[in-house]
């Protein structure tokens, strides 16, 4: 039987849209913090272990996106910092990107920027990103609700240094283009912020074939 208008209103009282927004920002921010930690940035333990209730207590049910920004230094080089900005739900245009650039112009030690998007960015805005003096990465907020690096099927991996890559290619008489490929747009590549030409060693454990290793080159 179809619900009456009164019943719909009654059910509606239990739907807390602000809580949904809070949880979405909380989950995305938590994944970003874990991602930065895995990339070698200094992230305090209290941020990594922050619960939803603690997040809500600090930022409220409708988080101010400027307050949830993240800026952390590299553990091995504290003078180099990564800034993370959560964009709003309005369409992202050239004006939006130029406004961001104006806000952070002159930020000391900044060497990278991550934009967490809640709406699509048009191609004109995308064309603005290369004008920044450092790499700008973009992630849709929906892609950050779960940390893909924690998936049970994710194999152990190791990013090779340039020297290790050179030794690998020399050992097997290979060129970069002869290695199995992994696209720059791959979620694993984006999570770790890998660049074209880098090589990743994957170590698998599977039955009945046992353990084996593969290498992939970012293209």
N, C-alpha and C. Protein backbone atom coordinates (compact mmCIF):
# COMPACT_ATOMS: atom_id res chain seq x y z
N UNK A 1 0.85 -1.19 0.00
CA UNK A 1 0.00 0.00 0.00
C UNK A 1 0.89 1.24 0.00
N UNK A 2 0.53 2.21 -0.82
CA UNK A 2 1.33 3.44 -0.89
C UNK A 2 1.22 4.21 0.40
N UNK A 3 2.31 4.82 0.82
CA UNK A 3 2.30 5.57 2.07
C UNK A 3 1.57 6.88 1.86
N UNK A 4 0.83 7.30 2.86
CA UNK A 4 0.14 8.58 2.80
C UNK A 4 1.14 9.70 3.00
N UNK A 5 0.67 10.94 2.72
CA UNK A 5 1.56 12.08 2.90
C UNK A 5 2.03 12.20 4.32
N UNK A 6 1.13 11.90 5.29
CA UNK A 6 1.50 12.00 6.70
C UNK A 6 2.56 10.99 7.07
N UNK A 7 2.43 9.75 6.50
CA UNK A 7 3.42 8.72 6.81
C UNK A 7 4.78 9.09 6.23
N UNK A 8 4.77 9.68 5.00
CA UNK A 8 6.04 10.08 4.38
C UNK A 8 6.75 11.13 5.21
N UNK A 9 5.97 12.08 5.75
CA UNK A 9 6.57 13.11 6.57
C UNK A 9 7.14 12.51 7.86
N UNK A 10 6.42 11.50 8.39
CA UNK A 10 6.89 10.85 9.62
C UNK A 10 8.23 10.16 9.39
N UNK A 11 8.32 9.41 8.26
CA UNK A 11 9.56 8.72 7.92
C UNK A 11 10.68 9.74 7.68
N UNK A 12 10.32 10.85 7.04
CA UNK A 12 11.31 11.87 6.72
C UNK A 12 12.00 12.43 7.94
N UNK A 13 11.32 12.37 9.09
CA UNK A 13 11.91 12.92 10.31
C UNK A 13 13.16 12.15 10.72
N UNK A 14 13.28 10.90 10.25
CA UNK A 14 14.41 10.06 10.66
C UNK A 14 15.58 10.16 9.69
N UNK A 15 15.41 10.88 8.58
CA UNK A 15 16.48 11.04 7.61
C UNK A 15 17.24 12.32 7.91
N UNK A 16 18.48 12.18 8.33
CA UNK A 16 19.28 13.34 8.71
C UNK A 16 20.30 13.64 7.62
N UNK A 17 19.93 14.55 6.70
CA UNK A 17 20.81 14.86 5.58
C UNK A 17 22.15 15.43 6.04
N UNK A 18 22.13 16.24 7.10
CA UNK A 18 23.38 16.84 7.57
C UNK A 18 24.33 15.77 8.07
N UNK A 19 23.78 14.71 8.67
CA UNK A 19 24.61 13.63 9.16
C UNK A 19 25.25 12.88 8.00
N UNK A 20 24.50 12.71 6.89
CA UNK A 20 25.05 12.06 5.71
C UNK A 20 26.22 12.88 5.16
N UNK A 21 26.05 14.19 5.09
CA UNK A 21 27.12 15.06 4.60
C UNK A 21 28.35 14.97 5.50
N UNK A 22 28.11 14.97 6.81
CA UNK A 22 29.21 14.89 7.76
C UNK A 22 29.98 13.59 7.60
N UNK A 23 29.26 12.49 7.50
CA UNK A 23 29.93 11.19 7.39
C UNK A 23 30.72 11.08 6.09
N UNK A 24 30.18 11.64 5.02
CA UNK A 24 30.89 11.58 3.74
C UNK A 24 32.20 12.36 3.80
N UNK A 25 32.16 13.55 4.35
CA UNK A 25 33.39 14.35 4.48
C UNK A 25 34.35 13.67 5.44
N UNK A 26 33.82 13.12 6.53
CA UNK A 26 34.66 12.42 7.51
C UNK A 26 35.40 11.25 6.85
N UNK A 27 34.69 10.40 6.13
CA UNK A 27 35.31 9.22 5.51
C UNK A 27 36.35 9.62 4.47
N UNK A 28 36.02 10.62 3.66
CA UNK A 28 36.97 11.07 2.63
C UNK A 28 38.21 11.67 3.28
N UNK A 29 38.02 12.47 4.31
CA UNK A 29 39.16 13.10 4.98
C UNK A 29 40.04 12.05 5.66
N UNK A 30 39.43 11.03 6.23
CA UNK A 30 40.18 9.95 6.89
C UNK A 30 41.03 9.20 5.85
N UNK A 31 40.44 8.91 4.69
CA UNK A 31 41.19 8.23 3.63
C UNK A 31 42.35 9.09 3.15
N UNK A 32 42.11 10.39 2.99
CA UNK A 32 43.18 11.29 2.55
C UNK A 32 44.32 11.31 3.57
N UNK A 33 43.99 11.36 4.85
CA UNK A 33 45.03 11.34 5.88
C UNK A 33 45.84 10.05 5.83
N UNK A 34 45.16 8.92 5.64
CA UNK A 34 45.86 7.63 5.52
C UNK A 34 46.73 7.62 4.26
N UNK A 35 46.22 8.19 3.19
CA UNK A 35 46.96 8.25 1.94
C UNK A 35 48.23 9.09 2.09
N UNK A 36 48.11 10.23 2.75
CA UNK A 36 49.27 11.08 2.98
C UNK A 36 50.29 10.39 3.87
N UNK A 37 49.81 9.70 4.89
CA UNK A 37 50.71 8.93 5.76
C UNK A 37 51.47 7.88 4.95
N UNK A 38 50.75 7.18 4.06
CA UNK A 38 51.38 6.14 3.24
C UNK A 38 52.37 6.73 2.23
N UNK A 39 52.19 7.99 1.88
CA UNK A 39 53.10 8.65 0.94
C UNK A 39 54.34 9.22 1.64
N UNK A 40 54.35 9.17 2.97
CA UNK A 40 55.52 9.65 3.69
C UNK A 40 55.36 11.01 4.33
N UNK A 41 54.12 11.46 4.49
CA UNK A 41 53.89 12.75 5.14
C UNK A 41 53.64 12.55 6.64
N UNK A 42 53.90 13.60 7.40
CA UNK A 42 53.77 13.56 8.86
C UNK A 42 52.30 13.79 9.24
N UNK A 43 51.62 12.71 9.62
CA UNK A 43 50.22 12.79 10.04
C UNK A 43 50.14 12.29 11.47
N UNK A 44 49.60 13.09 12.37
CA UNK A 44 49.56 12.71 13.78
C UNK A 44 48.57 11.56 14.00
N UNK A 45 48.88 10.71 14.98
CA UNK A 45 48.06 9.54 15.25
C UNK A 45 46.62 9.89 15.60
N UNK A 46 46.43 11.00 16.31
CA UNK A 46 45.09 11.38 16.72
C UNK A 46 44.19 11.68 15.51
N UNK A 47 44.80 12.16 14.43
CA UNK A 47 44.04 12.41 13.21
C UNK A 47 43.67 11.09 12.54
N UNK A 48 44.61 10.16 12.51
CA UNK A 48 44.36 8.86 11.87
C UNK A 48 43.30 8.05 12.62
N UNK A 49 43.24 8.19 13.93
CA UNK A 49 42.32 7.39 14.74
C UNK A 49 41.02 8.12 15.07
N UNK A 50 40.85 9.33 14.55
CA UNK A 50 39.67 10.14 14.86
C UNK A 50 38.38 9.41 14.48
N UNK A 51 37.45 9.32 15.41
CA UNK A 51 36.16 8.67 15.15
C UNK A 51 35.17 9.66 14.55
N UNK A 52 34.07 9.14 14.04
CA UNK A 52 33.03 10.01 13.48
C UNK A 52 32.47 10.95 14.55
N UNK A 53 32.27 10.43 15.75
CA UNK A 53 31.75 11.27 16.83
C UNK A 53 32.73 12.39 17.17
N UNK A 54 34.02 12.07 17.18
CA UNK A 54 35.03 13.09 17.47
C UNK A 54 35.08 14.12 16.34
N UNK A 55 34.95 13.64 15.11
CA UNK A 55 34.94 14.55 13.97
C UNK A 55 33.73 15.48 14.05
N UNK A 56 32.58 14.91 14.35
CA UNK A 56 31.36 15.72 14.45
C UNK A 56 31.47 16.73 15.58
N UNK A 57 32.10 16.31 16.67
CA UNK A 57 32.27 17.22 17.80
C UNK A 57 33.17 18.40 17.43
N UNK A 58 34.17 18.14 16.59
CA UNK A 58 35.10 19.20 16.20
C UNK A 58 34.57 20.09 15.08
N UNK A 59 33.87 19.47 14.11
CA UNK A 59 33.49 20.21 12.91
C UNK A 59 31.99 20.41 12.72
N UNK A 60 31.17 19.74 13.55
CA UNK A 60 29.73 19.92 13.44
C UNK A 60 29.09 19.05 12.38
N UNK A 61 27.75 19.18 12.22
CA UNK A 61 27.00 18.36 11.27
C UNK A 61 27.05 18.91 9.85
N UNK A 62 27.45 20.14 9.69
CA UNK A 62 27.65 20.71 8.36
C UNK A 62 29.06 21.31 8.35
N UNK A 63 30.07 20.46 8.14
CA UNK A 63 31.46 20.91 8.27
C UNK A 63 31.80 22.09 7.37
N UNK A 64 32.48 23.07 7.95
CA UNK A 64 33.02 24.18 7.17
C UNK A 64 34.23 23.63 6.40
N UNK A 65 34.15 23.64 5.08
CA UNK A 65 35.17 22.99 4.27
C UNK A 65 36.55 23.64 4.40
N UNK A 66 36.60 24.90 4.77
CA UNK A 66 37.91 25.53 5.00
C UNK A 66 38.55 24.98 6.27
N UNK A 67 37.74 24.62 7.25
CA UNK A 67 38.28 24.10 8.51
C UNK A 67 38.79 22.66 8.37
N UNK A 68 38.26 21.90 7.43
CA UNK A 68 38.70 20.50 7.28
C UNK A 68 39.89 20.36 6.33
N UNK A 69 40.42 21.49 5.86
CA UNK A 69 41.63 21.42 5.03
C UNK A 69 42.76 20.74 5.79
N UNK A 70 43.68 20.18 5.03
CA UNK A 70 44.83 19.48 5.61
C UNK A 70 46.10 20.08 5.02
N UNK A 71 47.10 20.30 5.85
CA UNK A 71 48.41 20.73 5.37
C UNK A 71 49.46 20.01 6.21
N UNK A 72 50.23 19.13 5.58
CA UNK A 72 51.20 18.31 6.32
C UNK A 72 52.55 18.31 5.62
N UNK A 73 53.64 18.22 6.40
CA UNK A 73 54.99 18.18 5.82
C UNK A 73 55.46 16.75 5.56
N UNK A 74 56.41 16.62 4.66
CA UNK A 74 57.06 15.33 4.45
C UNK A 74 57.88 14.96 5.69
N UNK A 75 57.85 13.69 6.06
CA UNK A 75 58.63 13.27 7.23
C UNK A 75 60.12 13.47 7.00
N UNK A 76 60.59 13.18 5.79
CA UNK A 76 62.03 13.27 5.51
C UNK A 76 62.48 14.66 5.07
N UNK A 77 61.52 15.56 4.81
CA UNK A 77 61.86 16.91 4.35
C UNK A 77 60.74 17.86 4.78
N UNK A 78 60.72 18.25 6.07
CA UNK A 78 59.63 19.05 6.62
C UNK A 78 59.38 20.38 5.91
N UNK A 79 60.34 20.84 5.13
CA UNK A 79 60.15 22.09 4.41
C UNK A 79 59.23 21.96 3.21
N UNK A 80 58.88 20.72 2.84
CA UNK A 80 58.00 20.47 1.70
C UNK A 80 56.64 19.99 2.23
N UNK A 81 55.59 20.71 1.86
CA UNK A 81 54.26 20.44 2.42
C UNK A 81 53.23 20.15 1.33
N UNK A 82 52.24 19.33 1.71
CA UNK A 82 51.11 19.03 0.83
C UNK A 82 49.86 19.66 1.43
N UNK A 83 49.10 20.35 0.60
CA UNK A 83 47.85 20.97 1.03
C UNK A 83 46.68 20.23 0.39
N UNK A 84 45.64 19.97 1.18
CA UNK A 84 44.43 19.32 0.69
C UNK A 84 43.25 20.25 0.91
N UNK A 85 42.52 20.55 -0.17
CA UNK A 85 41.37 21.43 -0.10
C UNK A 85 40.12 20.67 -0.54
N UNK A 86 39.08 20.76 0.28
CA UNK A 86 37.79 20.16 -0.05
C UNK A 86 36.94 21.22 -0.74
N UNK A 87 36.58 20.94 -2.00
CA UNK A 87 35.78 21.89 -2.77
C UNK A 87 34.30 21.70 -2.43
N UNK A 88 33.49 22.74 -2.71
CA UNK A 88 32.07 22.68 -2.43
C UNK A 88 31.29 21.91 -3.49
N UNK A 89 29.97 21.95 -3.38
CA UNK A 89 29.11 21.18 -4.29
C UNK A 89 28.77 21.95 -5.56
N UNK A 90 29.13 23.23 -5.62
CA UNK A 90 28.82 24.01 -6.82
C UNK A 90 29.74 23.59 -7.97
N UNK A 91 29.31 23.79 -9.23
CA UNK A 91 30.16 23.43 -10.39
C UNK A 91 31.54 24.09 -10.29
N UNK A 92 32.57 23.35 -10.68
CA UNK A 92 33.93 23.86 -10.58
C UNK A 92 34.35 24.44 -11.92
N UNK A 93 34.59 25.72 -11.92
CA UNK A 93 34.89 26.46 -13.14
C UNK A 93 36.30 27.05 -13.07
N UNK A 94 36.69 27.72 -14.14
CA UNK A 94 37.97 28.43 -14.15
C UNK A 94 38.03 29.41 -12.99
N UNK A 95 36.94 30.11 -12.74
CA UNK A 95 36.88 31.07 -11.64
C UNK A 95 37.15 30.39 -10.31
N UNK A 96 36.60 29.20 -10.11
CA UNK A 96 36.81 28.45 -8.87
C UNK A 96 38.28 28.14 -8.66
N UNK A 97 38.93 27.65 -9.72
CA UNK A 97 40.34 27.26 -9.63
C UNK A 97 41.23 28.48 -9.42
N UNK A 98 40.92 29.57 -10.09
CA UNK A 98 41.72 30.79 -9.92
C UNK A 98 41.55 31.34 -8.51
N UNK A 99 40.35 31.16 -7.93
CA UNK A 99 40.12 31.61 -6.56
C UNK A 99 40.98 30.81 -5.59
N UNK A 100 41.09 29.50 -5.83
CA UNK A 100 41.94 28.65 -4.99
C UNK A 100 43.40 29.10 -5.11
N UNK A 101 43.84 29.34 -6.33
CA UNK A 101 45.23 29.76 -6.54
C UNK A 101 45.53 31.08 -5.82
N UNK A 102 44.55 31.98 -5.86
CA UNK A 102 44.73 33.26 -5.19
C UNK A 102 44.79 33.11 -3.68
N UNK A 103 43.99 32.20 -3.12
CA UNK A 103 43.97 31.98 -1.68
C UNK A 103 45.29 31.44 -1.16
N UNK A 104 45.92 30.57 -1.93
CA UNK A 104 47.12 29.89 -1.41
C UNK A 104 48.41 30.45 -1.98
N UNK A 105 48.31 31.48 -2.78
CA UNK A 105 49.52 32.09 -3.36
C UNK A 105 50.49 32.51 -2.25
N UNK A 106 51.72 32.14 -2.40
CA UNK A 106 52.73 32.51 -1.40
C UNK A 106 52.81 31.60 -0.20
N UNK A 107 52.02 30.52 -0.19
CA UNK A 107 52.08 29.58 0.94
C UNK A 107 53.49 28.99 1.03
N UNK A 108 54.10 29.13 2.17
CA UNK A 108 55.50 28.73 2.33
C UNK A 108 55.68 27.22 2.33
N UNK A 109 56.59 26.74 1.51
CA UNK A 109 56.95 25.33 1.49
C UNK A 109 56.00 24.43 0.74
N UNK A 110 54.97 24.98 0.14
CA UNK A 110 53.98 24.14 -0.54
C UNK A 110 54.58 23.56 -1.82
N UNK A 111 54.50 22.23 -1.95
CA UNK A 111 55.05 21.60 -3.16
C UNK A 111 54.03 20.70 -3.84
N UNK A 112 52.81 20.67 -3.34
CA UNK A 112 51.76 19.85 -3.95
C UNK A 112 50.40 20.23 -3.42
N UNK A 113 49.38 20.00 -4.24
CA UNK A 113 48.01 20.35 -3.87
C UNK A 113 47.07 19.22 -4.29
N UNK A 114 46.17 18.85 -3.38
CA UNK A 114 45.13 17.86 -3.69
C UNK A 114 43.78 18.55 -3.54
N UNK A 115 42.94 18.44 -4.57
CA UNK A 115 41.58 18.97 -4.53
C UNK A 115 40.61 17.80 -4.43
N UNK A 116 39.78 17.81 -3.40
CA UNK A 116 38.73 16.80 -3.24
C UNK A 116 37.44 17.41 -3.77
N UNK A 117 36.91 16.81 -4.82
CA UNK A 117 35.79 17.38 -5.55
C UNK A 117 34.46 16.74 -5.17
N UNK A 118 33.43 17.56 -5.06
CA UNK A 118 32.08 17.06 -4.83
C UNK A 118 31.20 17.29 -6.06
N UNK A 119 31.76 17.89 -7.10
CA UNK A 119 31.05 18.08 -8.36
C UNK A 119 32.06 18.00 -9.50
N UNK A 120 31.57 17.89 -10.70
CA UNK A 120 32.46 17.75 -11.85
C UNK A 120 33.21 19.05 -12.14
N UNK A 121 34.42 18.89 -12.61
CA UNK A 121 35.23 20.04 -13.03
C UNK A 121 35.19 20.11 -14.55
N UNK A 122 34.82 21.28 -15.10
CA UNK A 122 34.76 21.37 -16.56
C UNK A 122 36.17 21.43 -17.15
N UNK A 123 36.25 21.23 -18.45
CA UNK A 123 37.58 21.09 -19.09
C UNK A 123 38.38 22.38 -19.04
N UNK A 124 37.68 23.52 -19.01
CA UNK A 124 38.40 24.79 -18.93
C UNK A 124 39.09 24.93 -17.57
N UNK A 125 38.40 24.46 -16.52
CA UNK A 125 39.00 24.48 -15.18
C UNK A 125 40.17 23.50 -15.12
N UNK A 126 40.02 22.35 -15.76
CA UNK A 126 41.10 21.36 -15.79
C UNK A 126 42.34 21.93 -16.46
N UNK A 127 42.11 22.75 -17.48
CA UNK A 127 43.24 23.35 -18.21
C UNK A 127 43.99 24.38 -17.36
N UNK A 128 43.39 24.82 -16.27
CA UNK A 128 44.05 25.76 -15.37
C UNK A 128 45.04 25.07 -14.44
N UNK A 129 44.84 23.79 -14.19
CA UNK A 129 45.67 23.09 -13.20
C UNK A 129 47.16 23.11 -13.52
N UNK A 130 47.56 22.93 -14.80
CA UNK A 130 49.00 22.96 -15.11
C UNK A 130 49.65 24.32 -14.90
N UNK A 131 48.85 25.37 -14.67
CA UNK A 131 49.44 26.71 -14.46
C UNK A 131 49.94 26.89 -13.02
N UNK A 132 49.60 25.96 -12.12
CA UNK A 132 50.11 26.04 -10.76
C UNK A 132 51.61 25.72 -10.77
N UNK A 133 52.38 26.23 -9.82
CA UNK A 133 53.82 25.98 -9.80
C UNK A 133 54.20 24.61 -9.23
N UNK A 134 53.21 23.76 -8.98
CA UNK A 134 53.45 22.41 -8.46
C UNK A 134 52.32 21.51 -8.95
N UNK A 135 52.47 20.22 -8.72
CA UNK A 135 51.48 19.26 -9.20
C UNK A 135 50.16 19.43 -8.43
N UNK A 136 49.06 19.42 -9.18
CA UNK A 136 47.73 19.46 -8.58
C UNK A 136 47.02 18.15 -8.89
N UNK A 137 46.60 17.43 -7.85
CA UNK A 137 45.89 16.18 -8.02
C UNK A 137 44.41 16.39 -7.67
N UNK A 138 43.54 15.65 -8.35
CA UNK A 138 42.10 15.75 -8.05
C UNK A 138 41.53 14.38 -7.76
N UNK A 139 40.63 14.34 -6.79
CA UNK A 139 39.92 13.11 -6.43
C UNK A 139 38.44 13.45 -6.24
N UNK A 140 37.56 12.62 -6.79
CA UNK A 140 36.16 12.77 -6.46
C UNK A 140 35.94 12.24 -5.04
N UNK A 141 35.12 12.94 -4.27
CA UNK A 141 34.92 12.56 -2.88
C UNK A 141 34.37 11.14 -2.77
N UNK A 142 33.56 10.73 -3.75
CA UNK A 142 32.97 9.38 -3.72
C UNK A 142 34.03 8.29 -3.88
N UNK A 143 35.18 8.63 -4.47
CA UNK A 143 36.26 7.65 -4.63
C UNK A 143 37.12 7.52 -3.38
N UNK A 144 36.84 8.37 -2.37
CA UNK A 144 37.64 8.36 -1.14
C UNK A 144 36.86 7.84 0.07
N UNK A 145 35.65 7.36 -0.17
CA UNK A 145 34.84 6.88 0.96
C UNK A 145 35.38 5.57 1.52
N UNK A 146 36.15 4.86 0.69
CA UNK A 146 36.79 3.61 1.11
C UNK A 146 38.26 3.68 0.72
N UNK A 147 39.13 3.24 1.60
CA UNK A 147 40.57 3.22 1.32
C UNK A 147 40.90 1.97 0.52
N UNK A 148 41.18 2.14 -0.77
CA UNK A 148 41.43 0.98 -1.65
C UNK A 148 42.69 0.22 -1.27
N UNK A 149 43.62 0.87 -0.59
CA UNK A 149 44.87 0.21 -0.21
C UNK A 149 44.66 -0.85 0.86
N UNK A 150 43.49 -0.79 1.53
CA UNK A 150 43.20 -1.75 2.59
C UNK A 150 42.36 -2.93 2.11
N UNK A 151 42.08 -2.97 0.81
CA UNK A 151 41.29 -4.07 0.27
C UNK A 151 42.02 -5.39 0.47
N UNK A 152 41.26 -6.42 0.82
CA UNK A 152 41.87 -7.72 1.14
C UNK A 152 42.63 -8.29 -0.05
N UNK A 153 42.28 -7.91 -1.27
CA UNK A 153 42.94 -8.45 -2.46
C UNK A 153 44.15 -7.62 -2.89
N UNK A 154 44.42 -6.52 -2.19
CA UNK A 154 45.56 -5.67 -2.56
C UNK A 154 46.87 -6.37 -2.21
N UNK A 155 47.72 -6.68 -3.19
CA UNK A 155 48.98 -7.37 -2.90
C UNK A 155 50.00 -6.43 -2.26
N UNK A 156 51.02 -7.02 -1.64
CA UNK A 156 52.12 -6.21 -1.14
C UNK A 156 52.83 -5.59 -2.35
N UNK A 157 53.38 -4.41 -2.14
CA UNK A 157 54.02 -3.74 -3.26
C UNK A 157 55.22 -2.94 -2.79
N UNK A 158 56.05 -2.57 -3.75
CA UNK A 158 57.23 -1.77 -3.47
C UNK A 158 57.51 -0.91 -4.70
N UNK A 159 57.63 0.41 -4.50
CA UNK A 159 57.94 1.31 -5.61
C UNK A 159 59.46 1.34 -5.78
N UNK A 160 59.93 0.98 -6.96
CA UNK A 160 61.37 0.92 -7.19
C UNK A 160 61.97 2.31 -7.34
N UNK A 161 63.18 2.46 -6.81
CA UNK A 161 63.94 3.69 -7.03
C UNK A 161 64.45 3.67 -8.46
N UNK A 162 64.99 4.79 -8.93
CA UNK A 162 65.53 4.84 -10.29
C UNK A 162 66.66 3.83 -10.46
N UNK A 163 67.48 3.68 -9.42
CA UNK A 163 68.58 2.73 -9.48
C UNK A 163 68.07 1.30 -9.56
N UNK A 164 67.05 0.98 -8.73
CA UNK A 164 66.48 -0.37 -8.74
C UNK A 164 65.80 -0.66 -10.08
N UNK A 165 65.15 0.33 -10.64
CA UNK A 165 64.52 0.16 -11.95
C UNK A 165 65.57 -0.12 -13.02
N UNK A 166 66.67 0.64 -12.97
CA UNK A 166 67.74 0.45 -13.97
C UNK A 166 68.33 -0.95 -13.87
N UNK A 167 68.53 -1.44 -12.64
CA UNK A 167 69.07 -2.79 -12.45
C UNK A 167 68.11 -3.84 -12.98
N UNK A 168 66.81 -3.63 -12.74
CA UNK A 168 65.80 -4.58 -13.22
C UNK A 168 65.82 -4.66 -14.74
N UNK A 169 65.82 -3.52 -15.41
CA UNK A 169 65.79 -3.50 -16.86
C UNK A 169 67.06 -4.12 -17.45
N UNK A 170 68.21 -3.82 -16.81
CA UNK A 170 69.48 -4.37 -17.29
C UNK A 170 69.53 -5.88 -17.09
N UNK A 171 69.03 -6.36 -15.96
CA UNK A 171 69.06 -7.79 -15.65
C UNK A 171 68.31 -8.60 -16.69
N UNK A 172 67.14 -8.10 -17.12
CA UNK A 172 66.30 -8.87 -18.04
C UNK A 172 66.39 -8.35 -19.49
N UNK A 173 67.26 -7.35 -19.74
CA UNK A 173 67.42 -6.84 -21.09
C UNK A 173 66.14 -6.21 -21.62
N UNK A 174 65.47 -5.41 -20.78
CA UNK A 174 64.18 -4.83 -21.15
C UNK A 174 64.25 -3.32 -21.29
N UNK A 175 63.22 -2.77 -21.92
CA UNK A 175 62.98 -1.33 -21.94
C UNK A 175 61.67 -1.06 -21.20
N UNK A 176 61.47 0.19 -20.78
CA UNK A 176 60.25 0.54 -20.05
C UNK A 176 59.00 0.01 -20.73
N UNK A 177 58.91 0.25 -22.06
CA UNK A 177 57.70 -0.09 -22.80
C UNK A 177 57.44 -1.59 -22.88
N UNK A 178 58.43 -2.41 -22.49
CA UNK A 178 58.27 -3.86 -22.55
C UNK A 178 57.69 -4.42 -21.25
N UNK A 179 57.63 -3.60 -20.21
CA UNK A 179 57.04 -4.04 -18.95
C UNK A 179 55.52 -3.95 -19.01
N UNK A 180 54.82 -4.79 -18.24
CA UNK A 180 53.36 -4.63 -18.13
C UNK A 180 53.04 -3.21 -17.67
N UNK A 181 51.94 -2.66 -18.14
CA UNK A 181 51.64 -1.25 -17.88
C UNK A 181 50.55 -1.05 -16.83
N UNK A 182 50.61 0.12 -16.22
CA UNK A 182 49.57 0.56 -15.30
C UNK A 182 49.30 2.03 -15.59
N UNK A 183 48.05 2.37 -15.83
CA UNK A 183 47.71 3.73 -16.23
C UNK A 183 47.81 4.71 -15.07
N UNK A 184 48.14 5.96 -15.41
CA UNK A 184 48.20 7.03 -14.42
C UNK A 184 46.85 7.23 -13.73
N UNK A 185 45.77 6.88 -14.43
CA UNK A 185 44.42 7.06 -13.89
C UNK A 185 43.99 5.92 -12.97
N UNK A 186 44.81 4.87 -12.86
CA UNK A 186 44.49 3.74 -11.99
C UNK A 186 44.37 4.21 -10.54
N UNK A 187 43.39 3.68 -9.80
CA UNK A 187 43.16 4.14 -8.43
C UNK A 187 44.36 3.90 -7.53
N UNK A 188 45.10 2.81 -7.75
CA UNK A 188 46.31 2.53 -6.97
C UNK A 188 47.37 3.59 -7.24
N UNK A 189 47.56 3.93 -8.51
CA UNK A 189 48.56 4.93 -8.90
C UNK A 189 48.21 6.29 -8.30
N UNK A 190 46.93 6.66 -8.36
CA UNK A 190 46.50 7.95 -7.83
C UNK A 190 46.66 7.99 -6.31
N UNK A 191 46.35 6.89 -5.64
CA UNK A 191 46.45 6.85 -4.18
C UNK A 191 47.88 7.16 -3.72
N UNK A 192 48.86 6.57 -4.40
CA UNK A 192 50.25 6.76 -3.99
C UNK A 192 50.93 7.93 -4.70
N UNK A 193 50.21 8.61 -5.58
CA UNK A 193 50.77 9.77 -6.25
C UNK A 193 51.94 9.44 -7.15
N UNK A 194 51.87 8.29 -7.83
CA UNK A 194 52.99 7.85 -8.67
C UNK A 194 53.02 8.61 -9.99
N UNK A 195 54.22 8.65 -10.59
CA UNK A 195 54.44 9.40 -11.82
C UNK A 195 54.72 8.45 -12.98
N UNK A 196 54.53 8.97 -14.21
CA UNK A 196 54.85 8.18 -15.40
C UNK A 196 56.32 7.75 -15.36
N UNK A 197 56.55 6.51 -15.74
CA UNK A 197 57.91 5.98 -15.78
C UNK A 197 58.32 5.24 -14.52
N UNK A 198 57.60 5.44 -13.41
CA UNK A 198 57.94 4.70 -12.20
C UNK A 198 57.51 3.25 -12.34
N UNK A 199 58.24 2.37 -11.66
CA UNK A 199 57.95 0.94 -11.71
C UNK A 199 57.58 0.44 -10.32
N UNK A 200 56.53 -0.37 -10.27
CA UNK A 200 56.06 -0.94 -9.00
C UNK A 200 56.21 -2.45 -9.03
N UNK A 201 56.78 -2.97 -7.96
CA UNK A 201 56.93 -4.42 -7.79
C UNK A 201 55.76 -4.93 -6.95
N UNK A 202 54.99 -5.89 -7.49
CA UNK A 202 53.86 -6.47 -6.77
C UNK A 202 54.21 -7.90 -6.36
N UNK A 203 53.95 -8.20 -5.10
CA UNK A 203 54.25 -9.54 -4.56
C UNK A 203 52.96 -10.22 -4.15
N UNK A 204 52.64 -11.32 -4.84
CA UNK A 204 51.39 -12.03 -4.62
C UNK A 204 51.62 -13.34 -3.88
N UNK A 205 50.62 -13.72 -3.10
CA UNK A 205 50.57 -15.05 -2.50
C UNK A 205 49.24 -15.66 -2.88
N UNK A 206 49.28 -16.73 -3.67
CA UNK A 206 48.03 -17.33 -4.14
C UNK A 206 48.17 -18.85 -4.24
N UNK A 207 47.10 -19.52 -3.93
CA UNK A 207 47.06 -20.97 -4.08
C UNK A 207 46.38 -21.31 -5.40
N UNK A 208 46.77 -22.39 -6.09
CA UNK A 208 47.83 -23.34 -5.70
C UNK A 208 49.21 -22.99 -6.26
N UNK A 209 49.34 -21.83 -6.92
CA UNK A 209 50.61 -21.52 -7.61
C UNK A 209 51.68 -21.01 -6.67
N UNK A 210 51.30 -20.61 -5.44
CA UNK A 210 52.28 -20.09 -4.50
C UNK A 210 52.59 -18.63 -4.74
N UNK A 211 53.75 -18.18 -4.24
CA UNK A 211 54.12 -16.78 -4.33
C UNK A 211 54.73 -16.45 -5.69
N UNK A 212 54.45 -15.23 -6.17
CA UNK A 212 55.08 -14.79 -7.41
C UNK A 212 55.13 -13.26 -7.41
N UNK A 213 56.00 -12.74 -8.29
CA UNK A 213 56.26 -11.30 -8.35
C UNK A 213 56.01 -10.81 -9.78
N UNK A 214 55.41 -9.61 -9.89
CA UNK A 214 55.27 -8.97 -11.21
C UNK A 214 55.70 -7.51 -11.07
N UNK A 215 56.03 -6.92 -12.20
CA UNK A 215 56.43 -5.50 -12.23
C UNK A 215 55.51 -4.76 -13.21
N UNK A 216 55.15 -3.55 -12.84
CA UNK A 216 54.32 -2.73 -13.73
C UNK A 216 54.91 -1.32 -13.82
N UNK A 217 54.88 -0.79 -15.03
CA UNK A 217 55.41 0.56 -15.29
C UNK A 217 54.24 1.52 -15.47
N UNK A 218 54.31 2.67 -14.82
CA UNK A 218 53.25 3.67 -14.92
C UNK A 218 53.36 4.40 -16.26
N UNK A 219 52.25 4.47 -16.98
CA UNK A 219 52.25 5.14 -18.29
C UNK A 219 51.12 6.17 -18.35
